[in-house]
Amino acid sequence: MNIVNHLKSNGLAAGIVCARGVTISPSPTPLDERLRALVSRRKQEDFPPPDLKNSVRNLLRRGGFKPSGRNKPASEYLAQAAREDRFPFINNLVDINNYVSLYSGLPASLLDLAITGEAVSLRCGKTGEKYVFNEAGQEIDLAGLICICRDEGENSVPLGNPVKDSMLAKLSASTRSVLGVIFAPQEALSTEDLHSYAHLFGDLLKEHGGVQDVDIQIC
C-alpha cells in the first residue's frame, strides 16, 4: 500500500489501516455491546473535548473549508447522535469505524480498497470538485477539504474525507478489503496516541471482521 500525505505541512497526521479478507455481517454481540456501552457513556459527556474539537475543526479550515452545520467533522456528528439517541448501528465494519471515531474523538473513514486502489494520497479538494455522498444523490463540495484520493498517474480522484465519504467507495456486500483512515491534528495528540487508535481499529477488524492480516501506517 502506497500512501502519500501532501498535508503534513498543514498539520495533518493520518492513521492508515489496510485490511484484507473482511466479512460484512451484522455486528456480533460482543461488538454491539461494546459500542452501545460507549454510546451510553458519550451520551452523558461533552464530547469531543473542546480542545480536541477545536483542533480538528482548525485542521479542516486550513484548506479553506468551513467545518460546521451539516459539514461538521464525522466525529462530532457521531457524538451528537449519541447524545440525541439516534446513533447509527449499521454492520460490523461500519460499527468498528464508528467505535474508533467515537472512542478517539477523531473523524475516521472506512472505504472499499477495491475502489481506492493501492496508491492513495491525502490532499485538499480543488475548486469544482464534488462527489455524491448518499443514496439520494446529494453532493458535497470538496473545495479546500481534506480528501482521500485514488491516484491515477498525474491525476487523483477524491473518494473520502473527514465529513462524508463518497457513495462510490462506501462498503457493499461485495467488499473484501478495506482502507481505514483516522484524521488527526498533529498539535492535538502524539504519534504514539494515533498509533494506538490505528491498532485499536486493526484489532477490532481482526476480532469482529474476519480479518487475518492488517497493515498499519502513520503518515
C-alpha atoms as a PDB file:
ATOM      1  CA  MET A   1       0.000   0.000   0.000  1.00  0.00           C
ATOM      2  CA  ASN A   2       1.458   3.363  -1.040  1.00  0.00           C
ATOM      3  CA  ILE A   3       0.108   6.360   0.909  1.00  0.00           C
ATOM      4  CA  VAL A   4       1.270   9.939   0.307  1.00  0.00           C
ATOM      5  CA  ASN A   5       0.250  12.663   2.761  1.00  0.00           C
ATOM      6  CA  HIS A   6       0.518  16.012   0.972  1.00  0.00           C
ATOM      7  CA  LEU A   7      -0.902  17.829   4.008  1.00  0.00           C
ATOM      8  CA  LYS A   8       1.740  17.194   6.667  1.00  0.00           C
ATOM      9  CA  SER A   9       2.727  20.860   6.483  1.00  0.00           C
ATOM     10  CA  ASN A  10      -0.939  21.730   7.127  1.00  0.00           C
ATOM     11  CA  GLY A  11      -0.810  19.777  10.381  1.00  0.00           C
ATOM     12  CA  LEU A  12      -2.467  16.543   9.246  1.00  0.00           C
ATOM     13  CA  ALA A  13      -1.378  13.205  10.662  1.00  0.00           C
ATOM     14  CA  ALA A  14      -3.141  10.112   9.351  1.00  0.00           C
ATOM     15  CA  GLY A  15      -3.518   6.665  10.839  1.00  0.00           C
ATOM     16  CA  ILE A  16      -3.864   4.204   7.958  1.00  0.00           C
ATOM     17  CA  VAL A  17      -5.335   0.723   8.372  1.00  0.00           C
ATOM     18  CA  CYS A  18      -5.385  -1.679   5.423  1.00  0.00           C
ATOM     19  CA  ALA A  19      -7.251  -4.954   5.987  1.00  0.00           C
ATOM     20  CA  ARG A  20      -7.828  -7.770   3.518  1.00  0.00           C
ATOM     21  CA  GLY A  21     -10.273 -10.646   3.658  1.00  0.00           C
ATOM     22  CA  VAL A  22     -13.027  -8.860   5.550  1.00  0.00           C
ATOM     23  CA  THR A  23     -16.508 -10.272   6.008  1.00  0.00           C
ATOM     24  CA  ILE A  24     -19.510  -7.950   6.279  1.00  0.00           C
ATOM     25  CA  SER A  25     -22.219  -9.108   8.676  1.00  0.00           C
ATOM     26  CA  PRO A  26     -24.447  -7.831  11.461  1.00  0.00           C
ATOM     27  CA  SER A  27     -22.298  -6.852  14.415  1.00  0.00           C
ATOM     28  CA  PRO A  28     -21.682  -9.822  16.723  1.00  0.00           C
ATOM     29  CA  THR A  29     -22.998  -9.440  20.245  1.00  0.00           C
ATOM     30  CA  PRO A  30     -19.635  -8.543  21.877  1.00  0.00           C
ATOM     31  CA  LEU A  31     -19.034  -5.718  19.377  1.00  0.00           C
ATOM     32  CA  ASP A  32     -22.605  -4.480  19.598  1.00  0.00           C
ATOM     33  CA  GLU A  33     -22.472  -4.414  23.394  1.00  0.00           C
ATOM     34  CA  ARG A  34     -19.097  -2.661  23.386  1.00  0.00           C
ATOM     35  CA  LEU A  35     -20.339   0.040  21.009  1.00  0.00           C
ATOM     36  CA  ARG A  36     -23.603   0.536  22.893  1.00  0.00           C
ATOM     37  CA  ALA A  37     -21.699   0.933  26.166  1.00  0.00           C
ATOM     38  CA  LEU A  38     -19.508   3.623  24.602  1.00  0.00           C
ATOM     39  CA  VAL A  39     -22.538   5.378  23.108  1.00  0.00           C
ATOM     40  CA  SER A  40     -24.191   5.353  26.544  1.00  0.00           C
ATOM     41  CA  ARG A  41     -21.081   6.884  28.109  1.00  0.00           C
ATOM     42  CA  ARG A  42     -20.710   9.571  25.448  1.00  0.00           C
ATOM     43  CA  LYS A  43     -24.390  10.482  25.828  1.00  0.00           C
ATOM     44  CA  GLN A  44     -23.551  11.908  29.254  1.00  0.00           C
ATOM     45  CA  GLU A  45     -20.409  13.773  28.152  1.00  0.00           C
ATOM     46  CA  ASP A  46     -19.430  16.943  26.334  1.00  0.00           C
ATOM     47  CA  PHE A  47     -17.500  15.072  23.673  1.00  0.00           C
ATOM     48  CA  PRO A  48     -15.186  15.553  21.865  1.00  0.00           C
ATOM     49  CA  PRO A  49     -13.429  17.685  24.489  1.00  0.00           C
ATOM     50  CA  PRO A  50     -13.373  21.361  23.436  1.00  0.00           C
ATOM     51  CA  ASP A  51      -9.615  21.448  22.787  1.00  0.00           C
ATOM     52  CA  LEU A  52      -9.742  18.393  20.520  1.00  0.00           C
ATOM     53  CA  LYS A  53     -12.931  19.565  18.808  1.00  0.00           C
ATOM     54  CA  ASN A  54     -11.351  22.940  18.026  1.00  0.00           C
ATOM     55  CA  SER A  55      -8.105  21.358  16.825  1.00  0.00           C
ATOM     56  CA  VAL A  56      -9.959  19.090  14.386  1.00  0.00           C
ATOM     57  CA  ARG A  57     -12.044  21.981  13.086  1.00  0.00           C
ATOM     58  CA  ASN A  58      -8.957  24.177  12.691  1.00  0.00           C
ATOM     59  CA  LEU A  59      -7.256  21.390  10.750  1.00  0.00           C
ATOM     60  CA  LEU A  60     -10.169  21.247   8.317  1.00  0.00           C
ATOM     61  CA  ARG A  61     -10.240  25.057   7.983  1.00  0.00           C
ATOM     62  CA  ARG A  62      -6.633  25.314   6.826  1.00  0.00           C
ATOM     63  CA  GLY A  63      -7.540  24.467   3.248  1.00  0.00           C
ATOM     64  CA  GLY A  64     -10.416  26.940   3.226  1.00  0.00           C
ATOM     65  CA  PHE A  65     -13.240  24.539   4.154  1.00  0.00           C
ATOM     66  CA  LYS A  66     -15.890  25.555   6.706  1.00  0.00           C
ATOM     67  CA  PRO A  67     -16.500  22.602   9.105  1.00  0.00           C
ATOM     68  CA  SER A  68     -19.829  23.499  10.655  1.00  0.00           C
ATOM     69  CA  GLY A  69     -23.528  22.684  10.407  1.00  0.00           C
ATOM     70  CA  ARG A  70     -24.105  19.821   8.000  1.00  0.00           C
ATOM     71  CA  ASN A  71     -20.395  19.871   7.204  1.00  0.00           C
ATOM     72  CA  LYS A  72     -19.188  19.228  10.749  1.00  0.00           C
ATOM     73  CA  PRO A  73     -16.498  16.530  11.207  1.00  0.00           C
ATOM     74  CA  ALA A  74     -17.902  12.994  11.350  1.00  0.00           C
ATOM     75  CA  SER A  75     -16.610  12.599  14.909  1.00  0.00           C
ATOM     76  CA  GLU A  76     -18.819  15.483  16.044  1.00  0.00           C
ATOM     77  CA  TYR A  77     -21.795  14.076  14.164  1.00  0.00           C
ATOM     78  CA  LEU A  78     -21.442  10.705  15.906  1.00  0.00           C
ATOM     79  CA  ALA A  79     -21.072  12.271  19.353  1.00  0.00           C
ATOM     80  CA  GLN A  80     -24.160  14.401  18.770  1.00  0.00           C
ATOM     81  CA  ALA A  81     -26.070  11.350  17.534  1.00  0.00           C
ATOM     82  CA  ALA A  82     -25.136   9.558  20.769  1.00  0.00           C
ATOM     83  CA  ARG A  83     -26.437  12.449  22.876  1.00  0.00           C
ATOM     84  CA  GLU A  84     -29.683  12.568  20.877  1.00  0.00           C
ATOM     85  CA  ASP A  85     -30.409   8.801  20.969  1.00  0.00           C
ATOM     86  CA  ARG A  86     -30.046   8.407  17.200  1.00  0.00           C
ATOM     87  CA  PHE A  87     -26.662   6.744  16.913  1.00  0.00           C
ATOM     88  CA  PRO A  88     -26.451   4.623  13.731  1.00  0.00           C
ATOM     89  CA  PHE A  89     -25.856   0.895  14.161  1.00  0.00           C
ATOM     90  CA  ILE A  90     -25.119  -0.456  10.667  1.00  0.00           C
ATOM     91  CA  ASN A  91     -22.954  -3.590  10.380  1.00  0.00           C
ATOM     92  CA  ASN A  92     -19.765  -4.969  11.869  1.00  0.00           C
ATOM     93  CA  LEU A  93     -17.330  -2.965   9.717  1.00  0.00           C
ATOM     94  CA  VAL A  94     -19.118   0.376   9.860  1.00  0.00           C
ATOM     95  CA  ASP A  95     -19.727  -0.094  13.583  1.00  0.00           C
ATOM     96  CA  ILE A  96     -15.994  -0.664  14.085  1.00  0.00           C
ATOM     97  CA  ASN A  97     -15.173   2.539  12.208  1.00  0.00           C
ATOM     98  CA  ASN A  98     -17.743   4.470  14.238  1.00  0.00           C
ATOM     99  CA  TYR A  99     -16.486   2.966  17.504  1.00  0.00           C
ATOM    100  CA  VAL A 100     -12.941   4.151  16.781  1.00  0.00           C
ATOM    101  CA  SER A 101     -14.185   7.647  15.944  1.00  0.00           C
ATOM    102  CA  LEU A 102     -16.455   7.883  18.991  1.00  0.00           C
ATOM    103  CA  TYR A 103     -13.692   6.496  21.228  1.00  0.00           C
ATOM    104  CA  SER A 104     -10.942   8.799  19.946  1.00  0.00           C
ATOM    105  CA  GLY A 105     -12.923  11.932  19.087  1.00  0.00           C
ATOM    106  CA  LEU A 106     -11.283  11.922  15.650  1.00  0.00           C
ATOM    107  CA  PRO A 107     -13.020  11.600  12.276  1.00  0.00           C
ATOM    108  CA  ALA A 108     -12.415   8.279  10.534  1.00  0.00           C
ATOM    109  CA  SER A 109     -13.230   6.833   7.126  1.00  0.00           C
ATOM    110  CA  LEU A 110     -13.585   3.226   6.010  1.00  0.00           C
ATOM    111  CA  LEU A 111     -13.508   2.692   2.246  1.00  0.00           C
ATOM    112  CA  ASP A 112     -13.549  -0.235  -0.164  1.00  0.00           C
ATOM    113  CA  LEU A 113      -9.938  -0.969  -1.103  1.00  0.00           C
ATOM    114  CA  ALA A 114     -11.062  -2.309  -4.481  1.00  0.00           C
ATOM    115  CA  ILE A 115     -12.204   1.241  -5.277  1.00  0.00           C
ATOM    116  CA  THR A 116      -9.375   3.228  -3.678  1.00  0.00           C
ATOM    117  CA  GLY A 117      -6.656   1.046  -5.164  1.00  0.00           C
ATOM    118  CA  GLU A 118      -3.201   0.537  -3.704  1.00  0.00           C
ATOM    119  CA  ALA A 119      -1.920   4.071  -4.467  1.00  0.00           C
ATOM    120  CA  VAL A 120      -3.663   6.690  -2.349  1.00  0.00           C
ATOM    121  CA  SER A 121      -2.949  10.304  -1.479  1.00  0.00           C
ATOM    122  CA  LEU A 122      -4.245  12.848   1.010  1.00  0.00           C
ATOM    123  CA  ARG A 123      -4.744  16.349  -0.384  1.00  0.00           C
ATOM    124  CA  CYS A 124      -7.184  19.246  -0.290  1.00  0.00           C
ATOM    125  CA  GLY A 125     -10.102  19.204  -2.677  1.00  0.00           C
ATOM    126  CA  LYS A 126      -9.861  21.533  -5.651  1.00  0.00           C
ATOM    127  CA  THR A 127     -12.347  24.188  -6.710  1.00  0.00           C
ATOM    128  CA  GLY A 128     -15.221  22.494  -8.508  1.00  0.00           C
ATOM    129  CA  GLU A 129     -14.534  19.012  -7.125  1.00  0.00           C
ATOM    130  CA  LYS A 130     -17.500  17.246  -5.534  1.00  0.00           C
ATOM    131  CA  TYR A 131     -18.963  13.780  -5.137  1.00  0.00           C
ATOM    132  CA  VAL A 132     -22.234  12.079  -4.230  1.00  0.00           C
ATOM    133  CA  PHE A 133     -22.317  11.005  -0.582  1.00  0.00           C
ATOM    134  CA  ASN A 134     -25.735   9.383  -0.149  1.00  0.00           C
ATOM    135  CA  GLU A 135     -28.322   7.332  -1.983  1.00  0.00           C
ATOM    136  CA  ALA A 136     -30.452  10.432  -2.562  1.00  0.00           C
ATOM    137  CA  GLY A 137     -27.725  11.754  -4.854  1.00  0.00           C
ATOM    138  CA  GLN A 138     -26.716  14.698  -2.661  1.00  0.00           C
ATOM    139  CA  GLU A 139     -23.237  16.094  -3.299  1.00  0.00           C
ATOM    140  CA  ILE A 140     -20.624  17.630  -1.038  1.00  0.00           C
ATOM    141  CA  ASP A 141     -18.404  20.458  -2.293  1.00  0.00           C
ATOM    142  CA  LEU A 142     -14.830  19.309  -1.695  1.00  0.00           C
ATOM    143  CA  ALA A 143     -13.033  22.624  -2.284  1.00  0.00           C
ATOM    144  CA  GLY A 144     -10.446  23.064   0.473  1.00  0.00           C
ATOM    145  CA  LEU A 145     -11.479  19.886   2.316  1.00  0.00           C
ATOM    146  CA  ILE A 146      -9.021  17.127   3.231  1.00  0.00           C
ATOM    147  CA  CYS A 147      -9.665  14.237   0.829  1.00  0.00           C
ATOM    148  CA  ILE A 148      -8.571  10.620   0.487  1.00  0.00           C
ATOM    149  CA  CYS A 149      -7.846  10.179  -3.204  1.00  0.00           C
ATOM    150  CA  ARG A 150      -7.214   7.322  -5.594  1.00  0.00           C
ATOM    151  CA  ASP A 151      -4.071   8.147  -7.554  1.00  0.00           C
ATOM    152  CA  GLU A 152      -4.301   7.760 -11.316  1.00  0.00           C
ATOM    153  CA  GLY A 153      -0.945   8.838 -12.682  1.00  0.00           C
ATOM    154  CA  GLU A 154      -0.839  12.635 -12.673  1.00  0.00           C
ATOM    155  CA  ASN A 155      -4.454  12.826 -11.523  1.00  0.00           C
ATOM    156  CA  SER A 156      -6.233  11.751  -8.353  1.00  0.00           C
ATOM    157  CA  VAL A 157      -9.902  11.093  -7.602  1.00  0.00           C
ATOM    158  CA  PRO A 158     -11.402  12.088  -4.212  1.00  0.00           C
ATOM    159  CA  LEU A 159     -13.265   9.216  -2.521  1.00  0.00           C
ATOM    160  CA  GLY A 160     -13.477  10.077   1.165  1.00  0.00           C
ATOM    161  CA  ASN A 161     -12.999  12.867   3.695  1.00  0.00           C
ATOM    162  CA  PRO A 162     -13.402  13.616   7.428  1.00  0.00           C
ATOM    163  CA  VAL A 163     -17.016  14.742   6.915  1.00  0.00           C
ATOM    164  CA  LYS A 164     -18.748  12.412   4.447  1.00  0.00           C
ATOM    165  CA  ASP A 165     -17.408   9.554   2.322  1.00  0.00           C
ATOM    166  CA  SER A 166     -18.380   9.006  -1.296  1.00  0.00           C
ATOM    167  CA  MET A 167     -21.050   6.536  -2.345  1.00  0.00           C
ATOM    168  CA  LEU A 168     -18.572   5.181  -4.887  1.00  0.00           C
ATOM    169  CA  ALA A 169     -16.130   3.926  -2.237  1.00  0.00           C
ATOM    170  CA  LYS A 170     -18.570   3.003   0.530  1.00  0.00           C
ATOM    171  CA  LEU A 171     -18.655  -0.619   1.629  1.00  0.00           C
ATOM    172  CA  SER A 172     -21.008  -3.055  -0.078  1.00  0.00           C
ATOM    173  CA  ALA A 173     -21.876  -6.746   0.092  1.00  0.00           C
ATOM    174  CA  SER A 174     -19.023  -7.421  -2.336  1.00  0.00           C
ATOM    175  CA  THR A 175     -16.362  -5.654  -0.241  1.00  0.00           C
ATOM    176  CA  ARG A 176     -13.468  -7.955   0.643  1.00  0.00           C
ATOM    177  CA  SER A 177     -10.727  -5.486   1.595  1.00  0.00           C
ATOM    178  CA  VAL A 178     -10.915  -2.103   3.297  1.00  0.00           C
ATOM    179  CA  LEU A 179      -8.878   1.044   3.815  1.00  0.00           C
ATOM    180  CA  GLY A 180      -9.384   2.863   7.102  1.00  0.00           C
ATOM    181  CA  VAL A 181      -8.128   6.400   7.686  1.00  0.00           C
ATOM    182  CA  ILE A 182      -8.079   8.277  11.001  1.00  0.00           C
ATOM    183  CA  PHE A 183      -7.650  12.046  10.506  1.00  0.00           C
ATOM    184  CA  ALA A 184      -5.717  13.719  13.318  1.00  0.00           C
ATOM    185  CA  PRO A 185      -4.366  17.216  14.022  1.00  0.00           C
ATOM    186  CA  GLN A 186      -0.659  16.896  14.802  1.00  0.00           C
ATOM    187  CA  GLU A 187      -0.959  19.543  17.523  1.00  0.00           C
ATOM    188  CA  ALA A 188      -3.595  17.623  19.473  1.00  0.00           C
ATOM    189  CA  LEU A 189      -2.067  14.198  20.027  1.00  0.00           C
ATOM    190  CA  SER A 190       1.183  12.311  19.846  1.00  0.00           C
ATOM    191  CA  THR A 191       2.230   9.840  17.192  1.00  0.00           C
ATOM    192  CA  GLU A 192       2.006   7.161  19.886  1.00  0.00           C
ATOM    193  CA  ASP A 193      -1.632   8.022  20.599  1.00  0.00           C
ATOM    194  CA  LEU A 194      -2.522   7.943  16.900  1.00  0.00           C
ATOM    195  CA  HIS A 195      -0.702   4.631  16.567  1.00  0.00           C
ATOM    196  CA  SER A 196      -2.753   3.206  19.447  1.00  0.00           C
ATOM    197  CA  TYR A 197      -6.016   4.271  17.773  1.00  0.00           C
ATOM    198  CA  ALA A 198      -4.911   2.718  14.481  1.00  0.00           C
ATOM    199  CA  HIS A 199      -4.040  -0.518  16.275  1.00  0.00           C
ATOM    200  CA  LEU A 200      -7.431  -0.466  18.005  1.00  0.00           C
ATOM    201  CA  PHE A 201      -9.016  -0.147  14.552  1.00  0.00           C
ATOM    202  CA  GLY A 202      -6.960  -3.075  13.273  1.00  0.00           C
ATOM    203  CA  ASP A 203      -7.568  -5.254  16.327  1.00  0.00           C
ATOM    204  CA  LEU A 204     -11.335  -4.766  16.072  1.00  0.00           C
ATOM    205  CA  LEU A 205     -11.249  -5.679  12.378  1.00  0.00           C
ATOM    206  CA  LYS A 206      -9.384  -8.863  13.261  1.00  0.00           C
ATOM    207  CA  GLU A 207     -11.706  -9.742  16.124  1.00  0.00           C
ATOM    208  CA  HIS A 208     -15.039  -8.886  14.515  1.00  0.00           C
ATOM    209  CA  GLY A 209     -14.391  -8.518  10.785  1.00  0.00           C
ATOM    210  CA  GLY A 210     -12.857 -11.854   9.890  1.00  0.00           C
ATOM    211  CA  VAL A 211      -9.521 -10.252   9.008  1.00  0.00           C
ATOM    212  CA  GLN A 212      -6.309 -12.243   9.302  1.00  0.00           C
ATOM    213  CA  ASP A 213      -3.764  -9.598   8.339  1.00  0.00           C
ATOM    214  CA  VAL A 214      -3.753  -5.840   8.934  1.00  0.00           C
ATOM    215  CA  ASP A 215      -1.195  -3.310   7.697  1.00  0.00           C
ATOM    216  CA  ILE A 216      -0.886  -0.132   9.774  1.00  0.00           C
ATOM    217  CA  GLN A 217       0.926   3.047   8.783  1.00  0.00           C
ATOM    218  CA  ILE A 218       1.204   6.513  10.293  1.00  0.00           C
ATOM    219  CA  CYS A 219       1.858   9.252   7.774  1.00  0.00           C
END
